[in-house]
Full PDB file with SEQRES, HELIX, SHEET, SSBOND, CRYST1, ORIGX, SCALE, CONECT and MASTER records, all heavy atoms in Angstrom:
SEQRES   1 A   33  ALA GLY LEU LEU ARG LYS ALA THR ASN ALA VAL PRO PHE          
SEQRES   2 A   33  VAL ALA GLY MET ALA GLU CYS VAL VAL VAL GLU ARG SER          
SEQRES   3 A   33  GLU ASN GLY LEU VAL ARG ASP                                  
HELIX    1 AA1 GLY A    2  THR A    8  1                                   7    
SHEET    1 AA1 2 VAL A  22  SER A  26  0                                        
SHEET    2 AA1 2 GLY A  29  ARG A  32 -1                                        
CRYST1    1.000    1.000    1.000  90.00  90.00  90.00 P 1           1          
ORIGX1      1.000000  0.000000  0.000000        0.00000                         
ORIGX2      0.000000  1.000000  0.000000        0.00000                         
ORIGX3      0.000000  0.000000  1.000000        0.00000                         
SCALE1      1.000000  0.000000  0.000000        0.00000                         
SCALE2      0.000000  1.000000  0.000000        0.00000                         
SCALE3      0.000000  0.000000  1.000000        0.00000                         
ATOM      1  N   ALA A   1     -21.224 -77.274  -7.916  1.00  0.00           N  
ATOM      2  CA  ALA A   1     -21.611 -77.786  -9.239  1.00  0.00           C  
ATOM      3  C   ALA A   1     -21.675 -79.314  -9.218  1.00  0.00           C  
ATOM      4  O   ALA A   1     -22.592 -79.916  -9.788  1.00  0.00           O  
ATOM      5  CB  ALA A   1     -20.640 -77.294 -10.304  1.00  0.00           C  
ATOM      6  N   GLY A   2     -20.715 -79.956  -8.543  1.00  0.00           N  
ATOM      7  CA  GLY A   2     -20.740 -81.414  -8.426  1.00  0.00           C  
ATOM      8  C   GLY A   2     -21.935 -81.916  -7.645  1.00  0.00           C  
ATOM      9  O   GLY A   2     -22.559 -82.908  -8.013  1.00  0.00           O  
ATOM     10  N   LEU A   3     -22.274 -81.222  -6.562  1.00  0.00           N  
ATOM     11  CA  LEU A   3     -23.446 -81.617  -5.768  1.00  0.00           C  
ATOM     12  C   LEU A   3     -24.738 -81.466  -6.580  1.00  0.00           C  
ATOM     13  O   LEU A   3     -25.640 -82.307  -6.483  1.00  0.00           O  
ATOM     14  CB  LEU A   3     -23.526 -80.792  -4.483  1.00  0.00           C  
ATOM     15  CG  LEU A   3     -22.452 -81.110  -3.443  1.00  0.00           C  
ATOM     16  CD1 LEU A   3     -22.534 -80.111  -2.291  1.00  0.00           C  
ATOM     17  CD2 LEU A   3     -22.556 -82.538  -2.942  1.00  0.00           C  
ATOM     18  N   LEU A   4     -24.831 -80.422  -7.387  1.00  0.00           N  
ATOM     19  CA  LEU A   4     -26.019 -80.244  -8.224  1.00  0.00           C  
ATOM     20  C   LEU A   4     -26.104 -81.341  -9.283  1.00  0.00           C  
ATOM     21  O   LEU A   4     -27.199 -81.838  -9.580  1.00  0.00           O  
ATOM     22  CB  LEU A   4     -26.011 -78.863  -8.875  1.00  0.00           C  
ATOM     23  CG  LEU A   4     -26.176 -77.677  -7.927  1.00  0.00           C  
ATOM     24  CD1 LEU A   4     -26.121 -76.367  -8.707  1.00  0.00           C  
ATOM     25  CD2 LEU A   4     -27.463 -77.774  -7.122  1.00  0.00           C  
ATOM     26  N   ARG A   5     -24.961 -81.717  -9.849  1.00  0.00           N  
ATOM     27  CA  ARG A   5     -24.950 -82.819 -10.824  1.00  0.00           C  
ATOM     28  C   ARG A   5     -25.419 -84.104 -10.157  1.00  0.00           C  
ATOM     29  O   ARG A   5     -26.193 -84.871 -10.734  1.00  0.00           O  
ATOM     30  CB  ARG A   5     -23.553 -83.007 -11.408  1.00  0.00           C  
ATOM     31  CG  ARG A   5     -23.178 -81.964 -12.434  1.00  0.00           C  
ATOM     32  CD  ARG A   5     -21.777 -82.138 -13.014  1.00  0.00           C  
ATOM     33  NE  ARG A   5     -21.450 -83.498 -13.353  1.00  0.00           N  
ATOM     34  CZ  ARG A   5     -20.217 -84.010 -13.232  1.00  0.00           C  
ATOM     35  NH1 ARG A   5     -19.224 -83.280 -12.752  1.00  0.00           N  
ATOM     36  NH2 ARG A   5     -19.977 -85.247 -13.574  1.00  0.00           N  
ATOM     37  N   LYS A   6     -24.951 -84.353  -8.936  1.00  0.00           N  
ATOM     38  CA  LYS A   6     -25.346 -85.567  -8.215  1.00  0.00           C  
ATOM     39  C   LYS A   6     -26.843 -85.546  -7.910  1.00  0.00           C  
ATOM     40  O   LYS A   6     -27.516 -86.573  -7.992  1.00  0.00           O  
ATOM     41  CB  LYS A   6     -24.543 -85.720  -6.928  1.00  0.00           C  
ATOM     42  CG  LYS A   6     -24.856 -87.028  -6.201  1.00  0.00           C  
ATOM     43  CD  LYS A   6     -23.937 -87.267  -5.037  1.00  0.00           C  
ATOM     44  CE  LYS A   6     -24.291 -86.339  -3.918  1.00  0.00           C  
ATOM     45  NZ  LYS A   6     -23.840 -86.790  -2.610  1.00  0.00           N  
ATOM     46  N   ALA A   7     -27.376 -84.395  -7.569  1.00  0.00           N  
ATOM     47  CA  ALA A   7     -28.808 -84.294  -7.278  1.00  0.00           C  
ATOM     48  C   ALA A   7     -29.642 -84.587  -8.516  1.00  0.00           C  
ATOM     49  O   ALA A   7     -30.682 -85.239  -8.433  1.00  0.00           O  
ATOM     50  CB  ALA A   7     -29.138 -82.903  -6.729  1.00  0.00           C  
ATOM     51  N   THR A   8     -29.176 -84.115  -9.657  1.00  0.00           N  
ATOM     52  CA  THR A   8     -29.926 -84.277 -10.901  1.00  0.00           C  
ATOM     53  C   THR A   8     -29.854 -85.699 -11.444  1.00  0.00           C  
ATOM     54  O   THR A   8     -30.846 -86.244 -11.908  1.00  0.00           O  
ATOM     55  CB  THR A   8     -29.408 -83.283 -11.958  1.00  0.00           C  
ATOM     56  OG1 THR A   8     -29.563 -81.957 -11.433  1.00  0.00           O  
ATOM     57  CG2 THR A   8     -30.163 -83.399 -13.257  1.00  0.00           C  
ATOM     58  N   ASN A   9     -28.671 -86.296 -11.391  1.00  0.00           N  
ATOM     59  CA  ASN A   9     -28.496 -87.672 -11.857  1.00  0.00           C  
ATOM     60  C   ASN A   9     -27.433 -88.336 -11.009  1.00  0.00           C  
ATOM     61  O   ASN A   9     -26.234 -88.229 -11.296  1.00  0.00           O  
ATOM     62  CB  ASN A   9     -28.111 -87.740 -13.331  1.00  0.00           C  
ATOM     63  CG  ASN A   9     -27.918 -89.173 -13.791  1.00  0.00           C  
ATOM     64  OD1 ASN A   9     -28.327 -90.114 -13.121  1.00  0.00           O  
ATOM     65  ND2 ASN A   9     -27.285 -89.339 -14.932  1.00  0.00           N  
ATOM     66  N   ALA A  10     -27.850 -89.047  -9.999  1.00  0.00           N  
ATOM     67  CA  ALA A  10     -26.917 -89.634  -9.036  1.00  0.00           C  
ATOM     68  C   ALA A  10     -26.283 -90.932  -9.507  1.00  0.00           C  
ATOM     69  O   ALA A  10     -25.361 -91.424  -8.864  1.00  0.00           O  
ATOM     70  CB  ALA A  10     -27.627 -89.857  -7.701  1.00  0.00           C  
ATOM     71  N   VAL A  11     -26.715 -91.478 -10.627  1.00  0.00           N  
ATOM     72  CA  VAL A  11     -26.204 -92.782 -11.070  1.00  0.00           C  
ATOM     73  C   VAL A  11     -24.672 -92.809 -11.165  1.00  0.00           C  
ATOM     74  O   VAL A  11     -24.046 -93.742 -10.660  1.00  0.00           O  
ATOM     75  CB  VAL A  11     -26.870 -93.226 -12.387  1.00  0.00           C  
ATOM     76  CG1 VAL A  11     -26.226 -94.491 -12.936  1.00  0.00           C  
ATOM     77  CG2 VAL A  11     -28.375 -93.441 -12.169  1.00  0.00           C  
ATOM     78  N   PRO A  12     -24.011 -91.799 -11.770  1.00  0.00           N  
ATOM     79  CA  PRO A  12     -22.542 -91.858 -11.824  1.00  0.00           C  
ATOM     80  C   PRO A  12     -21.877 -91.705 -10.450  1.00  0.00           C  
ATOM     81  O   PRO A  12     -20.697 -92.015 -10.297  1.00  0.00           O  
ATOM     82  CB  PRO A  12     -22.164 -90.673 -12.718  1.00  0.00           C  
ATOM     83  CG  PRO A  12     -23.392 -90.316 -13.465  1.00  0.00           C  
ATOM     84  CD  PRO A  12     -24.532 -90.685 -12.562  1.00  0.00           C  
ATOM     85  N   PHE A  13     -22.600 -91.247  -9.453  1.00  0.00           N  
ATOM     86  CA  PHE A  13     -22.053 -90.932  -8.135  1.00  0.00           C  
ATOM     87  C   PHE A  13     -22.311 -92.019  -7.087  1.00  0.00           C  
ATOM     88  O   PHE A  13     -21.551 -92.152  -6.141  1.00  0.00           O  
ATOM     89  CB  PHE A  13     -22.650 -89.619  -7.615  1.00  0.00           C  
ATOM     90  CG  PHE A  13     -22.363 -88.436  -8.482  1.00  0.00           C  
ATOM     91  CD1 PHE A  13     -23.167 -88.135  -9.572  1.00  0.00           C  
ATOM     92  CD2 PHE A  13     -21.284 -87.614  -8.209  1.00  0.00           C  
ATOM     93  CE1 PHE A  13     -22.896 -87.031 -10.372  1.00  0.00           C  
ATOM     94  CE2 PHE A  13     -21.006 -86.506  -9.006  1.00  0.00           C  
ATOM     95  CZ  PHE A  13     -21.814 -86.220 -10.091  1.00  0.00           C  
ATOM     96  N   VAL A  14     -23.411 -92.738  -7.228  1.00  0.00           N  
ATOM     97  CA  VAL A  14     -23.855 -93.695  -6.211  1.00  0.00           C  
ATOM     98  C   VAL A  14     -23.827 -95.097  -6.819  1.00  0.00           C  
ATOM     99  O   VAL A  14     -24.635 -95.415  -7.697  1.00  0.00           O  
ATOM    100  CB  VAL A  14     -25.264 -93.345  -5.692  1.00  0.00           C  
ATOM    101  CG1 VAL A  14     -25.722 -94.339  -4.636  1.00  0.00           C  
ATOM    102  CG2 VAL A  14     -25.301 -91.928  -5.153  1.00  0.00           C  
ATOM    103  N   ALA A  15     -22.907 -95.920  -6.334  1.00  0.00           N  
ATOM    104  CA  ALA A  15     -22.679 -97.242  -6.922  1.00  0.00           C  
ATOM    105  C   ALA A  15     -23.932 -98.115  -6.949  1.00  0.00           C  
ATOM    106  O   ALA A  15     -24.145 -98.848  -7.901  1.00  0.00           O  
ATOM    107  CB  ALA A  15     -21.553 -97.955  -6.178  1.00  0.00           C  
ATOM    108  N   GLY A  16     -24.777 -98.048  -5.960  1.00  0.00           N  
ATOM    109  CA  GLY A  16     -25.945 -98.913  -5.889  1.00  0.00           C  
ATOM    110  C   GLY A  16     -27.166 -98.399  -6.617  1.00  0.00           C  
ATOM    111  O   GLY A  16     -28.241 -98.988  -6.530  1.00  0.00           O  
ATOM    112  N   MET A  17     -27.020 -97.302  -7.358  1.00  0.00           N  
ATOM    113  CA  MET A  17     -28.170 -96.689  -8.021  1.00  0.00           C  
ATOM    114  C   MET A  17     -28.174 -97.052  -9.509  1.00  0.00           C  
ATOM    115  O   MET A  17     -27.169 -96.911 -10.186  1.00  0.00           O  
ATOM    116  CB  MET A  17     -28.134 -95.174  -7.838  1.00  0.00           C  
ATOM    117  CG  MET A  17     -29.439 -94.499  -8.178  1.00  0.00           C  
ATOM    118  SD  MET A  17     -29.420 -92.745  -7.760  1.00  0.00           S  
ATOM    119  CE  MET A  17     -29.432 -92.804  -5.978  1.00  0.00           C  
ATOM    120  N   ALA A  18     -29.321 -97.523  -9.986  1.00  0.00           N  
ATOM    121  CA  ALA A  18     -29.452 -97.925 -11.375  1.00  0.00           C  
ATOM    122  C   ALA A  18     -30.116 -96.855 -12.236  1.00  0.00           C  
ATOM    123  O   ALA A  18     -29.863 -96.777 -13.440  1.00  0.00           O  
ATOM    124  CB  ALA A  18     -30.253 -99.221 -11.472  1.00  0.00           C  
ATOM    125  N   GLU A  19     -30.974 -96.027 -11.632  1.00  0.00           N  
ATOM    126  CA  GLU A  19     -31.734 -95.040 -12.396  1.00  0.00           C  
ATOM    127  C   GLU A  19     -32.070 -93.852 -11.502  1.00  0.00           C  
ATOM    128  O   GLU A  19     -32.326 -94.013 -10.315  1.00  0.00           O  
ATOM    129  CB  GLU A  19     -33.026 -95.695 -12.891  1.00  0.00           C  
ATOM    130  CG  GLU A  19     -33.835 -94.894 -13.860  1.00  0.00           C  
ATOM    131  CD  GLU A  19     -35.047 -95.694 -14.347  1.00  0.00           C  
ATOM    132  OE1 GLU A  19     -34.953 -96.932 -14.484  1.00  0.00           O  
ATOM    133  OE2 GLU A  19     -36.094 -95.063 -14.569  1.00  0.00           O  
ATOM    134  N   CYS A  20     -32.076 -92.667 -12.095  1.00  0.00           N  
ATOM    135  CA  CYS A  20     -32.420 -91.446 -11.363  1.00  0.00           C  
ATOM    136  C   CYS A  20     -33.042 -90.472 -12.356  1.00  0.00           C  
ATOM    137  O   CYS A  20     -32.371 -90.020 -13.284  1.00  0.00           O  
ATOM    138  CB  CYS A  20     -31.160 -90.850 -10.730  1.00  0.00           C  
ATOM    139  SG  CYS A  20     -31.449 -89.345  -9.770  1.00  0.00           S  
ATOM    140  N   VAL A  21     -34.326 -90.179 -12.168  1.00  0.00           N  
ATOM    141  CA  VAL A  21     -35.066 -89.328 -13.102  1.00  0.00           C  
ATOM    142  C   VAL A  21     -35.704 -88.177 -12.341  1.00  0.00           C  
ATOM    143  O   VAL A  21     -36.454 -88.395 -11.378  1.00  0.00           O  
ATOM    144  CB  VAL A  21     -36.162 -90.139 -13.833  1.00  0.00           C  
ATOM    145  CG1 VAL A  21     -36.970 -89.237 -14.758  1.00  0.00           C  
ATOM    146  CG2 VAL A  21     -35.544 -91.293 -14.602  1.00  0.00           C  
ATOM    147  N   VAL A  22     -35.419 -86.949 -12.768  1.00  0.00           N  
ATOM    148  CA  VAL A  22     -36.041 -85.771 -12.170  1.00  0.00           C  
ATOM    149  C   VAL A  22     -37.459 -85.661 -12.706  1.00  0.00           C  
ATOM    150  O   VAL A  22     -37.677 -85.662 -13.919  1.00  0.00           O  
ATOM    151  CB  VAL A  22     -35.232 -84.498 -12.477  1.00  0.00           C  
ATOM    152  CG1 VAL A  22     -35.959 -83.257 -11.988  1.00  0.00           C  
ATOM    153  CG2 VAL A  22     -33.838 -84.590 -11.870  1.00  0.00           C  
ATOM    154  N   VAL A  23     -38.433 -85.572 -11.786  1.00  0.00           N  
ATOM    155  CA  VAL A  23     -39.840 -85.484 -12.191  1.00  0.00           C  
ATOM    156  C   VAL A  23     -40.418 -84.096 -11.953  1.00  0.00           C  
ATOM    157  O   VAL A  23     -41.495 -83.775 -12.466  1.00  0.00           O  
ATOM    158  CB  VAL A  23     -40.707 -86.554 -11.491  1.00  0.00           C  
ATOM    159  CG1 VAL A  23     -40.269 -87.948 -11.931  1.00  0.00           C  
ATOM    160  CG2 VAL A  23     -40.657 -86.423  -9.984  1.00  0.00           C  
ATOM    161  N   GLU A  24     -39.710 -83.273 -11.183  1.00  0.00           N  
ATOM    162  CA  GLU A  24     -40.187 -81.919 -10.880  1.00  0.00           C  
ATOM    163  C   GLU A  24     -38.992 -81.065 -10.473  1.00  0.00           C  
ATOM    164  O   GLU A  24     -38.087 -81.526  -9.783  1.00  0.00           O  
ATOM    165  CB  GLU A  24     -41.187 -82.001  -9.739  1.00  0.00           C  
ATOM    166  CG  GLU A  24     -41.818 -80.712  -9.315  1.00  0.00           C  
ATOM    167  CD  GLU A  24     -42.774 -80.940  -8.143  1.00  0.00           C  
ATOM    168  OE1 GLU A  24     -43.507 -81.946  -8.131  1.00  0.00           O  
ATOM    169  OE2 GLU A  24     -42.764 -80.099  -7.228  1.00  0.00           O  
ATOM    170  N   ARG A  25     -38.986 -79.814 -10.908  1.00  0.00           N  
ATOM    171  CA  ARG A  25     -37.929 -78.871 -10.533  1.00  0.00           C  
ATOM    172  C   ARG A  25     -38.537 -77.603  -9.963  1.00  0.00           C  
ATOM    173  O   ARG A  25     -39.610 -77.185 -10.385  1.00  0.00           O  
ATOM    174  CB  ARG A  25     -37.087 -78.469 -11.739  1.00  0.00           C  
ATOM    175  CG  ARG A  25     -36.224 -79.555 -12.302  1.00  0.00           C  
ATOM    176  CD  ARG A  25     -35.378 -79.022 -13.472  1.00  0.00           C  
ATOM    177  NE  ARG A  25     -34.659 -80.078 -14.109  1.00  0.00           N  
ATOM    178  CZ  ARG A  25     -33.452 -80.498 -13.752  1.00  0.00           C  
ATOM    179  NH1 ARG A  25     -32.834 -79.920 -12.750  1.00  0.00           N  
ATOM    180  NH2 ARG A  25     -32.855 -81.486 -14.387  1.00  0.00           N  
ATOM    181  N   SER A  26     -37.819 -76.998  -9.024  1.00  0.00           N  
ATOM    182  CA  SER A  26     -38.189 -75.690  -8.508  1.00  0.00           C  
ATOM    183  C   SER A  26     -36.907 -74.888  -8.345  1.00  0.00           C  
ATOM    184  O   SER A  26     -35.807 -75.407  -8.546  1.00  0.00           O  
ATOM    185  CB  SER A  26     -38.924 -75.816  -7.169  1.00  0.00           C  
ATOM    186  OG  SER A  26     -38.043 -76.287  -6.177  1.00  0.00           O  
ATOM    187  N   GLU A  27     -37.042 -73.640  -7.944  1.00  0.00           N  
ATOM    188  CA  GLU A  27     -35.875 -72.784  -7.773  1.00  0.00           C  
ATOM    189  C   GLU A  27     -34.925 -73.323  -6.704  1.00  0.00           C  
ATOM    190  O   GLU A  27     -33.710 -73.202  -6.830  1.00  0.00           O  
ATOM    191  CB  GLU A  27     -36.319 -71.366  -7.394  1.00  0.00           C  
ATOM    192  CG  GLU A  27     -35.179 -70.384  -7.251  1.00  0.00           C  
ATOM    193  CD  GLU A  27     -35.659 -68.991  -6.913  1.00  0.00           C  
ATOM    194  OE1 GLU A  27     -36.800 -68.636  -7.262  1.00  0.00           O  
ATOM    195  OE2 GLU A  27     -34.883 -68.272  -6.275  1.00  0.00           O  
ATOM    196  N   ASN A  28     -35.475 -73.933  -5.678  1.00  0.00           N  
ATOM    197  CA  ASN A  28     -34.662 -74.382  -4.549  1.00  0.00           C  
ATOM    198  C   ASN A  28     -34.604 -75.893  -4.388  1.00  0.00           C  
ATOM    199  O   ASN A  28     -34.328 -76.383  -3.293  1.00  0.00           O  
ATOM    200  CB  ASN A  28     -35.169 -73.751  -3.249  1.00  0.00           C  
ATOM    201  CG  ASN A  28     -35.005 -72.248  -3.274  1.00  0.00           C  
ATOM    202  OD1 ASN A  28     -33.957 -71.750  -3.663  1.00  0.00           O  
ATOM    203  ND2 ASN A  28     -36.055 -71.538  -2.899  1.00  0.00           N  
ATOM    204  N   GLY A  29     -34.868 -76.627  -5.480  1.00  0.00           N  
ATOM    205  CA  GLY A  29     -34.774 -78.072  -5.355  1.00  0.00           C  
ATOM    206  C   GLY A  29     -35.421 -78.816  -6.496  1.00  0.00           C  
ATOM    207  O   GLY A  29     -35.709 -78.253  -7.554  1.00  0.00           O  
ATOM    208  N   LEU A  30     -35.637 -80.096  -6.240  1.00  0.00           N  
ATOM    209  CA  LEU A  30     -36.250 -80.958  -7.241  1.00  0.00           C  
ATOM    210  C   LEU A  30     -36.837 -82.188  -6.552  1.00  0.00           C  
ATOM    211  O   LEU A  30     -36.585 -82.439  -5.382  1.00  0.00           O  
ATOM    212  CB  LEU A  30     -35.225 -81.350  -8.320  1.00  0.00           C  
ATOM    213  CG  LEU A  30     -33.929 -82.033  -7.878  1.00  0.00           C  
ATOM    214  CD1 LEU A  30     -34.079 -83.539  -7.776  1.00  0.00           C  
ATOM    215  CD2 LEU A  30     -32.823 -81.697  -8.853  1.00  0.00           C  
ATOM    216  N   VAL A  31     -37.606 -82.931  -7.320  1.00  0.00           N  
ATOM    217  CA  VAL A  31     -38.130 -84.223  -6.893  1.00  0.00           C  
ATOM    218  C   VAL A  31     -37.642 -85.227  -7.919  1.00  0.00           C  
ATOM    219  O   VAL A  31     -37.688 -84.962  -9.125  1.00  0.00           O  
ATOM    220  CB  VAL A  31     -39.672 -84.233  -6.817  1.00  0.00           C  
ATOM    221  CG1 VAL A  31     -40.196 -85.620  -6.461  1.00  0.00           C  
ATOM    222  CG2 VAL A  31     -40.162 -83.192  -5.815  1.00  0.00           C  
ATOM    223  N   ARG A  32     -37.148 -86.357  -7.430  1.00  0.00           N  
ATOM    224  CA  ARG A  32     -36.615 -87.351  -8.352  1.00  0.00           C  
ATOM    225  C   ARG A  32     -37.088 -88.742  -7.964  1.00  0.00           C  
ATOM    226  O   ARG A  32     -37.348 -89.019  -6.786  1.00  0.00           O  
ATOM    227  CB  ARG A  32     -35.093 -87.290  -8.389  1.00  0.00           C  
ATOM    228  CG  ARG A  32     -34.417 -87.701  -7.088  1.00  0.00           C  
ATOM    229  CD  ARG A  32     -32.929 -87.440  -7.116  1.00  0.00           C  
ATOM    230  NE  ARG A  32     -32.272 -88.138  -6.002  1.00  0.00           N  
ATOM    231  CZ  ARG A  32     -30.980 -88.161  -5.808  1.00  0.00           C  
ATOM    232  NH1 ARG A  32     -30.172 -87.515  -6.648  1.00  0.00           N  
ATOM    233  NH2 ARG A  32     -30.453 -88.822  -4.800  1.00  0.00           N  
ATOM    234  N   ASP A  33     -37.208 -89.585  -8.971  1.00  0.00           N  
ATOM    235  CA  ASP A  33     -37.505 -90.992  -8.768  1.00  0.00           C  
ATOM    236  C   ASP A  33     -36.207 -91.762  -8.955  1.00  0.00           C  
ATOM    237  O   ASP A  33     -35.501 -91.585  -9.956  1.00  0.00           O  
ATOM    238  CB  ASP A  33     -38.557 -91.493  -9.755  1.00  0.00           C  
ATOM    239  CG  ASP A  33     -39.945 -90.968  -9.435  1.00  0.00           C  
ATOM    240  OD1 ASP A  33     -40.191 -90.583  -8.271  1.00  0.00           O  
ATOM    241  OD2 ASP A  33     -40.790 -90.948 -10.343  1.00  0.00           O  
TER     242      ASP A  33                                                      
MASTER        0    0    0    1    2    0    0    6  241    1    0    3          
END                                                                             
């Protein structure tokens, strides 16, 4: 569950990240900017 949260919005998890937006979802993954 934590890994999925990080994949969806990594900002709280990755200190050097300012923004994380999911642009596409599928059953087995996603694409994010």
